[in-house]
Amino acid sequence: MLDPDMRNTIYQMHEHGISFREIARLFQISRNTVRKVIRQGQNTPRDPRRDRIHVDPELLQRLYRECEGWAQRIHERLTEEEHIAIGYSTLTRLLREQGYGQQANPRCDQVPDEPGLEMQHDTSPYRIPVGGKLRKLIASVLYLRYAKRRYLMFYSVFNRFKMKSFFHEALRFWGYAAGRCIIDNTNLARLRGSGAKAVIVPEMQAFGRQYGFEFICHEIGHANRKAGEERSFWTVETNFLPGRTFESLEDLNRQAFQWATERMDHRPQGKTRLIPLKAFEHEVTFLTPVSPHLSAPYQTHPRGIDQYGYVTFQANYYWVPGEGRGQVKVLEEADRLRIFQNHECLVEYALPPDGVKQQRFVPPGAPTPKYQPKNRHQRSDREAQQLRAMGEDVVAYLDFIQQAPGIQRHQYTRGLLELSSKLKQDVFCKALARALRYRITKLETVRRIAWWCLHELDQPLPAVEVDEQYRDRAAFREGCFTDLPDLSRYELAPEPPKESESK
């Protein structure tokens, strides 16, 4: 209900020719309310509402405590138990008036939209058809809050090195950086803590200092602190991805770069119809220039030159000029790698497109080496054949290992053959039979079983010592009423593999 002074002010403003829309905007009320006040004129109703509902503050406090702050449950108990016919919106208003339901954690500071003050970064996963296959990719967006410029790239894997490479590429393209970058509480940049108490990883602190900005984490659950960044992902989903096809990850990033830096830079944004590129021209004087001499982030990988003169990296072979051998350092950058030996750069290669494997690369203009590395996938067919000749127990265990997920089968098979050379055949077969019974898939555990079989001399394995006081523990009393686990699968031999699977 409006107070008499406000009603009189509304009426006087209407008499001076101010529109209903402007009056409603100034007083933050609906235009229907303004019309009703104008119709009543200065005959202000003095009678208070007769249907006003009063709720005892102590009752409301008790229900709020017992219902753990859930307003819907409080409303149910008021109407069903206390027989108070109160609307849900009225109840929430009473809770707000008495200070209930406020956020426990304050938001990060509400900062004004000033030029040069802030940029925002975040990532979001997507499933995108690339080259006819649905791939899971990570979208990374850097957003200038004032100018509303965006820089977008997609990655198959996004780690700390990729994050630094993305910032380097984006800020080098813009040529400038804002004073701070708002991020969520990602462990790629945060060491510990959260929000205002977050401690940034020293490596990322030093990285941001080179470009003239610092990382700041927003409070947990307050993603709206970087609302412009969140809106950017919605724009990617509704404007960039629909109606486009991508042949490869490189084609996807090429189109994303064109969309973010050409199309979106010239498109009016929001109700203000702001043009990001023109706003950026004004914001440049408030931003920190990025030095063009900053070297790109890199990772170091120690490698050795093989007998053919090649260095392996990410399942590809890179030829090193000269006849020297020994250890080298491979420096991986975002789009290229360089091979160093004794602080001297021997050769530099552009990284191949995503998904290229088992390829040999030679510097442009260099003659093709006479000797080439062969397929280095060392299979274990010969080792498996020797093991299968030892008996049925070994054959059954090898068939089980072939079906077990997450095992490097060839390496595991070679390890079994090495173990068999150190044991008698009957002891080895007995160990594998026991390992098969308990579904053992770790070679170290198989070795321990073999050690026990070697020392037991046909005696049963010693019983496990159990502390009989375990029944007095709180954890035992808590779970003693649960159903017993089904261990029958360990008493039965595994089913033999199907003919197609064994092949």
Foldseek 3Di string as FASTA:
>chain_A
DDDLVLLQVLQVVVVVPDDLVVSCVVVVHDSVVSVVSNVCHNVDDDDDDPPDFDDDPVLLVVLCVVVVNDLVVSVVCCCPVVVGPDDSVVSVVVCVVVPGPDDPDDWDDDDDLDFLAEKEKDKDWDFAQAQNHTAIKIKIWIARRNLGAIAIAIGNDDALQNVQLSVVVVCLVLQWDGAEYEYACDPSFFDDDAAQPTDGDVVVQVSCVLRRYYYGHIHPPPPCVPVSNVVVVVCCVPPVRPPDYHHASVRVNVSSRCCRPPVQQQAQDDPVRRRSVVSVVVSVVNTGGRDPPDDADWDKDKFWQDPQQWTDDPQETEHFDDDDTGIWIWIDGPFKIFIGDPNDTRDIGGDDGPPDHHYYDYPPPDDDRPDDDDDPPDAQPVLLVVQPVLDDLSVLLLQLQLPDPPDPSRVLSVLLSVVPVVDPSVLSSVLSNLCQLVVDNDSVVSVVSSVCSVPCVPPDDDDDDDDPCPCVDPVCVVCVPDDDDDPVSSVDGDDGDDPVSVD
